[in-house]
Amino acid sequence: MIFSTNPWVWVAAILTLCIFSFLYRENPFYRFAEHLFVGVSAGYGVAVYFNNAIMPNLYVPVFVHHDYLFIIPGLIGMMFFFRFSSKLGFLILIPLAMLLGMSSGMGIAPTIQADIIRQMQSTIGDATSAGQGGWALVWGIVTFIGVIATLSYFFFSREQKGALKVSANIGIWFIMIGFGASFGNTVMARISLLIGRVQFLLTDWIHIIK
């Protein structure tokens, strides 16, 4: 067993073991690593936003290009800091309302394009590819039935009985399969992270695996 001589590898390994110590129980070592991670992430996020948002969108236009109209959105953005005032805290509603309104308005077109039109195109494409035969036929039919059945489950304008109830029940199965696949994908992603950290400890720290 040969340990690494790189001090940063030791720091990463110790912090990794501190996080893994939560598997036993919550302890000061885990809380230290957790707080350090949150603090570093917050500081890094502030630096990224400052360099990628404030500098090119406020500082450069105002102080370099002398376009003073950018002061207005800058002042509106600074109104978020009224959150820390007990008397003027209500003023945060102004930039918050503008942010939510603009985000909702600008997100309508991409949402319709990605979640409705693209889904319809994919469903129609799978259904029309059924002429190829074989598994293309099977999955084209399954996809088409799944989409129709799932949509019928969320059709609340009529009471779910008769054919609509049968279709809605089939839609529930497709929804549960989709949720199960999504959860399984999340679990696999977490296991992949675990494997990466264990591999780091055994490869870069103590050099058991070459």
C-alpha atoms as a PDB file:
ATOM      1  CA  MET A   1       0.000   0.000   0.000  1.00  0.00           C
ATOM      2  CA  ILE A   2       1.618   3.236  -1.188  1.00  0.00           C
ATOM      3  CA  PHE A   3      -0.029   6.498  -0.191  1.00  0.00           C
ATOM      4  CA  SER A   4      -0.029   9.517  -2.453  1.00  0.00           C
ATOM      5  CA  THR A   5       2.461  12.306  -1.797  1.00  0.00           C
ATOM      6  CA  ASN A   6       0.189  14.974  -3.281  1.00  0.00           C
ATOM      7  CA  PRO A   7      -1.261  17.085  -0.424  1.00  0.00           C
ATOM      8  CA  TRP A   8      -4.393  17.974  -2.415  1.00  0.00           C
ATOM      9  CA  VAL A   9      -5.134  14.290  -2.937  1.00  0.00           C
ATOM     10  CA  TRP A  10      -4.934  13.873   0.845  1.00  0.00           C
ATOM     11  CA  VAL A  11      -7.332  16.784   1.341  1.00  0.00           C
ATOM     12  CA  ALA A  12      -9.809  15.291  -1.137  1.00  0.00           C
ATOM     13  CA  ALA A  13      -9.486  11.830   0.406  1.00  0.00           C
ATOM     14  CA  ILE A  14     -10.016  13.087   3.970  1.00  0.00           C
ATOM     15  CA  LEU A  15     -13.065  15.107   2.946  1.00  0.00           C
ATOM     16  CA  THR A  16     -14.427  12.080   1.083  1.00  0.00           C
ATOM     17  CA  LEU A  17     -14.026   9.927   4.194  1.00  0.00           C
ATOM     18  CA  CYS A  18     -15.703  12.655   6.246  1.00  0.00           C
ATOM     19  CA  ILE A  19     -18.723  12.481   3.961  1.00  0.00           C
ATOM     20  CA  PHE A  20     -18.732   8.674   4.061  1.00  0.00           C
ATOM     21  CA  SER A  21     -18.719   8.799   7.873  1.00  0.00           C
ATOM     22  CA  PHE A  22     -22.409   9.741   7.688  1.00  0.00           C
ATOM     23  CA  LEU A  23     -23.070   6.078   6.830  1.00  0.00           C
ATOM     24  CA  TYR A  24     -22.301   5.339  10.494  1.00  0.00           C
ATOM     25  CA  ARG A  25     -24.132   8.303  11.981  1.00  0.00           C
ATOM     26  CA  GLU A  26     -24.126  12.097  11.831  1.00  0.00           C
ATOM     27  CA  ASN A  27     -20.953  13.443  13.362  1.00  0.00           C
ATOM     28  CA  PRO A  28     -18.800  16.619  13.493  1.00  0.00           C
ATOM     29  CA  PHE A  29     -16.562  15.402  10.661  1.00  0.00           C
ATOM     30  CA  TYR A  30     -19.531  15.017   8.313  1.00  0.00           C
ATOM     31  CA  ARG A  31     -20.961  18.408   9.326  1.00  0.00           C
ATOM     32  CA  PHE A  32     -17.588  20.051   8.729  1.00  0.00           C
ATOM     33  CA  ALA A  33     -17.316  18.580   5.212  1.00  0.00           C
ATOM     34  CA  GLU A  34     -20.953  19.423   4.479  1.00  0.00           C
ATOM     35  CA  HIS A  35     -20.606  23.048   5.586  1.00  0.00           C
ATOM     36  CA  LEU A  36     -17.315  23.379   3.715  1.00  0.00           C
ATOM     37  CA  PHE A  37     -18.924  22.068   0.530  1.00  0.00           C
ATOM     38  CA  VAL A  38     -21.912  24.408   0.823  1.00  0.00           C
ATOM     39  CA  GLY A  39     -19.684  27.399   1.604  1.00  0.00           C
ATOM     40  CA  VAL A  40     -17.261  26.736  -1.245  1.00  0.00           C
ATOM     41  CA  SER A  41     -20.167  26.159  -3.654  1.00  0.00           C
ATOM     42  CA  ALA A  42     -21.816  29.432  -2.588  1.00  0.00           C
ATOM     43  CA  GLY A  43     -18.554  31.359  -2.933  1.00  0.00           C
ATOM     44  CA  TYR A  44     -17.846  29.809  -6.307  1.00  0.00           C
ATOM     45  CA  GLY A  45     -21.377  30.624  -7.451  1.00  0.00           C
ATOM     46  CA  VAL A  46     -20.971  34.261  -6.419  1.00  0.00           C
ATOM     47  CA  ALA A  47     -17.699  34.517  -8.359  1.00  0.00           C
ATOM     48  CA  VAL A  48     -19.247  32.893 -11.453  1.00  0.00           C
ATOM     49  CA  TYR A  49     -22.296  35.155 -11.404  1.00  0.00           C
ATOM     50  CA  PHE A  50     -20.140  38.218 -10.862  1.00  0.00           C
ATOM     51  CA  ASN A  51     -17.881  37.434 -13.828  1.00  0.00           C
ATOM     52  CA  ASN A  52     -20.564  36.055 -16.160  1.00  0.00           C
ATOM     53  CA  ALA A  53     -23.494  38.343 -15.310  1.00  0.00           C
ATOM     54  CA  ILE A  54     -22.574  41.531 -13.465  1.00  0.00           C
ATOM     55  CA  MET A  55     -19.353  42.313 -15.325  1.00  0.00           C
ATOM     56  CA  PRO A  56     -20.586  41.847 -18.947  1.00  0.00           C
ATOM     57  CA  ASN A  57     -24.177  42.980 -18.355  1.00  0.00           C
ATOM     58  CA  LEU A  58     -23.707  45.903 -15.949  1.00  0.00           C
ATOM     59  CA  TYR A  59     -20.125  47.029 -15.388  1.00  0.00           C
ATOM     60  CA  VAL A  60     -18.908  46.932 -19.006  1.00  0.00           C
ATOM     61  CA  PRO A  61     -21.997  48.605 -20.561  1.00  0.00           C
ATOM     62  CA  VAL A  62     -22.095  51.383 -17.924  1.00  0.00           C
ATOM     63  CA  PHE A  63     -18.438  52.114 -17.160  1.00  0.00           C
ATOM     64  CA  VAL A  64     -16.811  51.094 -20.460  1.00  0.00           C
ATOM     65  CA  HIS A  65     -19.435  51.778 -23.127  1.00  0.00           C
ATOM     66  CA  HIS A  66     -21.157  54.541 -21.099  1.00  0.00           C
ATOM     67  CA  ASP A  67     -24.623  53.146 -21.822  1.00  0.00           C
ATOM     68  CA  TYR A  68     -26.324  54.439 -18.702  1.00  0.00           C
ATOM     69  CA  LEU A  69     -29.678  52.813 -19.453  1.00  0.00           C
ATOM     70  CA  PHE A  70     -28.229  49.629 -17.969  1.00  0.00           C
ATOM     71  CA  ILE A  71     -28.293  51.337 -14.578  1.00  0.00           C
ATOM     72  CA  ILE A  72     -32.073  50.804 -14.446  1.00  0.00           C
ATOM     73  CA  PRO A  73     -32.012  46.981 -14.540  1.00  0.00           C
ATOM     74  CA  GLY A  74     -28.993  47.117 -12.226  1.00  0.00           C
ATOM     75  CA  LEU A  75     -30.976  49.073  -9.627  1.00  0.00           C
ATOM     76  CA  ILE A  76     -33.939  46.712 -10.029  1.00  0.00           C
ATOM     77  CA  GLY A  77     -31.623  43.756  -9.429  1.00  0.00           C
ATOM     78  CA  MET A  78     -30.156  45.408  -6.346  1.00  0.00           C
ATOM     79  CA  MET A  79     -33.679  45.656  -4.919  1.00  0.00           C
ATOM     80  CA  PHE A  80     -33.360  41.964  -4.039  1.00  0.00           C
ATOM     81  CA  PHE A  81     -31.128  43.084  -1.148  1.00  0.00           C
ATOM     82  CA  PHE A  82     -34.162  44.702   0.486  1.00  0.00           C
ATOM     83  CA  ARG A  83     -34.853  41.172   1.685  1.00  0.00           C
ATOM     84  CA  PHE A  84     -32.453  41.893   4.532  1.00  0.00           C
ATOM     85  CA  SER A  85     -34.436  44.947   5.679  1.00  0.00           C
ATOM     86  CA  SER A  86     -37.297  44.509   8.125  1.00  0.00           C
ATOM     87  CA  LYS A  87     -38.975  47.781   7.104  1.00  0.00           C
ATOM     88  CA  LEU A  88     -38.389  47.768   3.329  1.00  0.00           C
ATOM     89  CA  GLY A  89     -38.513  44.011   2.772  1.00  0.00           C
ATOM     90  CA  PHE A  90     -41.756  44.333   0.793  1.00  0.00           C
ATOM     91  CA  LEU A  91     -39.858  46.065  -2.041  1.00  0.00           C
ATOM     92  CA  ILE A  92     -38.349  42.736  -3.039  1.00  0.00           C
ATOM     93  CA  LEU A  93     -41.747  41.927  -4.552  1.00  0.00           C
ATOM     94  CA  ILE A  94     -41.037  44.336  -7.427  1.00  0.00           C
ATOM     95  CA  PRO A  95     -37.957  42.600  -8.904  1.00  0.00           C
ATOM     96  CA  LEU A  96     -39.404  39.212  -7.958  1.00  0.00           C
ATOM     97  CA  ALA A  97     -42.599  39.916  -9.897  1.00  0.00           C
ATOM     98  CA  MET A  98     -40.621  41.165 -12.896  1.00  0.00           C
ATOM     99  CA  LEU A  99     -38.361  38.106 -12.799  1.00  0.00           C
ATOM    100  CA  LEU A 100     -41.227  35.637 -12.585  1.00  0.00           C
ATOM    101  CA  GLY A 101     -43.273  37.463 -15.221  1.00  0.00           C
ATOM    102  CA  MET A 102     -40.425  37.694 -17.714  1.00  0.00           C
ATOM    103  CA  SER A 103     -39.320  34.119 -17.058  1.00  0.00           C
ATOM    104  CA  SER A 104     -42.851  32.811 -17.543  1.00  0.00           C
ATOM    105  CA  GLY A 105     -43.401  34.835 -20.709  1.00  0.00           C
ATOM    106  CA  MET A 106     -40.060  33.925 -22.238  1.00  0.00           C
ATOM    107  CA  GLY A 107     -40.503  30.273 -21.245  1.00  0.00           C
ATOM    108  CA  ILE A 108     -43.872  29.743 -22.944  1.00  0.00           C
ATOM    109  CA  ALA A 109     -42.521  29.318 -26.470  1.00  0.00           C
ATOM    110  CA  PRO A 110     -39.614  26.983 -25.569  1.00  0.00           C
ATOM    111  CA  THR A 111     -41.903  24.929 -23.317  1.00  0.00           C
ATOM    112  CA  ILE A 112     -44.507  24.495 -26.051  1.00  0.00           C
ATOM    113  CA  GLN A 113     -41.779  23.648 -28.547  1.00  0.00           C
ATOM    114  CA  ALA A 114     -39.980  21.126 -26.316  1.00  0.00           C
ATOM    115  CA  ASP A 115     -42.802  19.576 -24.274  1.00  0.00           C
ATOM    116  CA  ILE A 116     -45.676  19.594 -26.766  1.00  0.00           C
ATOM    117  CA  ILE A 117     -44.579  19.925 -30.385  1.00  0.00           C
ATOM    118  CA  ARG A 118     -41.438  17.793 -30.076  1.00  0.00           C
ATOM    119  CA  GLN A 119     -43.346  15.147 -28.133  1.00  0.00           C
ATOM    120  CA  MET A 120     -46.034  15.058 -30.821  1.00  0.00           C
ATOM    121  CA  GLN A 121     -43.414  14.805 -33.563  1.00  0.00           C
ATOM    122  CA  SER A 122     -41.658  11.970 -31.731  1.00  0.00           C
ATOM    123  CA  THR A 123     -44.917  10.083 -31.186  1.00  0.00           C
ATOM    124  CA  ILE A 124     -45.988  10.512 -34.812  1.00  0.00           C
ATOM    125  CA  GLY A 125     -42.512   9.545 -35.973  1.00  0.00           C
ATOM    126  CA  ASP A 126     -42.560   6.340 -33.924  1.00  0.00           C
ATOM    127  CA  ALA A 127     -46.012   5.483 -35.165  1.00  0.00           C
ATOM    128  CA  THR A 128     -45.167   6.105 -38.836  1.00  0.00           C
ATOM    129  CA  SER A 129     -41.949   4.080 -38.545  1.00  0.00           C
ATOM    130  CA  ALA A 130     -44.058   1.032 -37.767  1.00  0.00           C
ATOM    131  CA  GLY A 131     -44.056   0.221 -41.473  1.00  0.00           C
ATOM    132  CA  GLN A 132     -40.489  -0.981 -41.098  1.00  0.00           C
ATOM    133  CA  GLY A 133     -41.759  -4.057 -39.269  1.00  0.00           C
ATOM    134  CA  GLY A 134     -40.013  -5.968 -36.511  1.00  0.00           C
ATOM    135  CA  TRP A 135     -39.262  -4.145 -33.258  1.00  0.00           C
ATOM    136  CA  ALA A 136     -39.915  -0.783 -34.900  1.00  0.00           C
ATOM    137  CA  LEU A 137     -43.536  -1.888 -35.317  1.00  0.00           C
ATOM    138  CA  VAL A 138     -43.785  -3.045 -31.695  1.00  0.00           C
ATOM    139  CA  TRP A 139     -42.239   0.048 -30.112  1.00  0.00           C
ATOM    140  CA  GLY A 140     -44.120   2.358 -32.444  1.00  0.00           C
ATOM    141  CA  ILE A 141     -47.426   0.867 -31.294  1.00  0.00           C
ATOM    142  CA  VAL A 142     -46.367   0.851 -27.615  1.00  0.00           C
ATOM    143  CA  THR A 143     -45.274   4.501 -27.761  1.00  0.00           C
ATOM    144  CA  PHE A 144     -48.476   5.588 -29.477  1.00  0.00           C
ATOM    145  CA  ILE A 145     -50.697   3.699 -27.020  1.00  0.00           C
ATOM    146  CA  GLY A 146     -48.675   4.999 -24.064  1.00  0.00           C
ATOM    147  CA  VAL A 147     -48.990   8.622 -25.114  1.00  0.00           C
ATOM    148  CA  ILE A 148     -52.735   8.403 -25.787  1.00  0.00           C
ATOM    149  CA  ALA A 149     -53.425   6.472 -22.576  1.00  0.00           C
ATOM    150  CA  THR A 150     -51.340   8.854 -20.441  1.00  0.00           C
ATOM    151  CA  LEU A 151     -53.073  11.896 -21.904  1.00  0.00           C
ATOM    152  CA  SER A 152     -56.462  10.308 -21.282  1.00  0.00           C
ATOM    153  CA  TYR A 153     -55.586   9.918 -17.585  1.00  0.00           C
ATOM    154  CA  PHE A 154     -55.236  13.701 -17.327  1.00  0.00           C
ATOM    155  CA  PHE A 155     -58.470  14.349 -19.249  1.00  0.00           C
ATOM    156  CA  PHE A 156     -60.727  15.684 -16.474  1.00  0.00           C
ATOM    157  CA  SER A 157     -63.510  17.192 -18.595  1.00  0.00           C
ATOM    158  CA  ARG A 158     -65.453  13.924 -18.474  1.00  0.00           C
ATOM    159  CA  GLU A 159     -66.013  11.300 -15.811  1.00  0.00           C
ATOM    160  CA  GLN A 160     -63.587   8.435 -16.177  1.00  0.00           C
ATOM    161  CA  LYS A 161     -65.838   5.517 -16.997  1.00  0.00           C
ATOM    162  CA  GLY A 162     -66.199   3.074 -19.850  1.00  0.00           C
ATOM    163  CA  ALA A 163     -63.470   3.252 -22.482  1.00  0.00           C
ATOM    164  CA  LEU A 164     -61.998   6.386 -20.906  1.00  0.00           C
ATOM    165  CA  LYS A 165     -61.548   4.571 -17.580  1.00  0.00           C
ATOM    166  CA  VAL A 166     -59.795   1.658 -19.273  1.00  0.00           C
ATOM    167  CA  SER A 167     -57.513   4.043 -21.127  1.00  0.00           C
ATOM    168  CA  ALA A 168     -56.802   6.016 -17.941  1.00  0.00           C
ATOM    169  CA  ASN A 169     -55.900   2.826 -16.058  1.00  0.00           C
ATOM    170  CA  ILE A 170     -53.475   1.885 -18.834  1.00  0.00           C
ATOM    171  CA  GLY A 171     -52.076   5.420 -18.614  1.00  0.00           C
ATOM    172  CA  ILE A 172     -51.407   4.925 -14.891  1.00  0.00           C
ATOM    173  CA  TRP A 173     -49.246   1.907 -15.722  1.00  0.00           C
ATOM    174  CA  PHE A 174     -47.239   3.904 -18.244  1.00  0.00           C
ATOM    175  CA  ILE A 175     -46.825   6.758 -15.752  1.00  0.00           C
ATOM    176  CA  MET A 176     -45.585   4.368 -13.054  1.00  0.00           C
ATOM    177  CA  ILE A 177     -43.151   2.754 -15.510  1.00  0.00           C
ATOM    178  CA  GLY A 178     -41.869   6.205 -16.430  1.00  0.00           C
ATOM    179  CA  PHE A 179     -41.439   7.192 -12.772  1.00  0.00           C
ATOM    180  CA  GLY A 180     -39.720   3.885 -12.041  1.00  0.00           C
ATOM    181  CA  ALA A 181     -37.296   4.338 -14.932  1.00  0.00           C
ATOM    182  CA  SER A 182     -36.572   7.907 -13.816  1.00  0.00           C
ATOM    183  CA  PHE A 183     -35.951   6.782 -10.227  1.00  0.00           C
ATOM    184  CA  GLY A 184     -33.741   3.929 -11.423  1.00  0.00           C
ATOM    185  CA  ASN A 185     -31.741   6.344 -13.535  1.00  0.00           C
ATOM    186  CA  THR A 186     -31.279   8.603 -10.475  1.00  0.00           C
ATOM    187  CA  VAL A 187     -30.108   5.654  -8.363  1.00  0.00           C
ATOM    188  CA  MET A 188     -27.648   4.588 -11.062  1.00  0.00           C
ATOM    189  CA  ALA A 189     -26.277   8.134 -11.229  1.00  0.00           C
ATOM    190  CA  ARG A 190     -25.705   8.127  -7.452  1.00  0.00           C
ATOM    191  CA  ILE A 191     -24.052   4.705  -7.637  1.00  0.00           C
ATOM    192  CA  SER A 192     -21.821   6.021 -10.410  1.00  0.00           C
ATOM    193  CA  LEU A 193     -20.743   8.885  -8.111  1.00  0.00           C
ATOM    194  CA  LEU A 194     -20.030   6.391  -5.317  1.00  0.00           C
ATOM    195  CA  ILE A 195     -17.947   4.225  -7.637  1.00  0.00           C
ATOM    196  CA  GLY A 196     -16.026   7.316  -8.753  1.00  0.00           C
ATOM    197  CA  ARG A 197     -15.137   8.303  -5.175  1.00  0.00           C
ATOM    198  CA  VAL A 198     -14.157   4.760  -4.174  1.00  0.00           C
ATOM    199  CA  GLN A 199     -12.068   4.465  -7.307  1.00  0.00           C
ATOM    200  CA  PHE A 200     -10.387   7.759  -6.412  1.00  0.00           C
ATOM    201  CA  LEU A 201      -9.526   6.497  -2.927  1.00  0.00           C
ATOM    202  CA  LEU A 202      -8.139   3.186  -4.180  1.00  0.00           C
ATOM    203  CA  THR A 203      -6.358   4.586  -7.229  1.00  0.00           C
ATOM    204  CA  ASP A 204      -5.137   8.104  -6.507  1.00  0.00           C
ATOM    205  CA  TRP A 205      -4.819   7.981  -2.708  1.00  0.00           C
ATOM    206  CA  ILE A 206      -3.494   4.562  -1.658  1.00  0.00           C
ATOM    207  CA  HIS A 207      -2.613   3.209  -5.130  1.00  0.00           C
ATOM    208  CA  ILE A 208      -4.149  -0.218  -4.648  1.00  0.00           C
ATOM    209  CA  ILE A 209      -5.630  -0.115  -8.137  1.00  0.00           C
ATOM    210  CA  LYS A 210      -3.269   0.904 -10.922  1.00  0.00           C
END
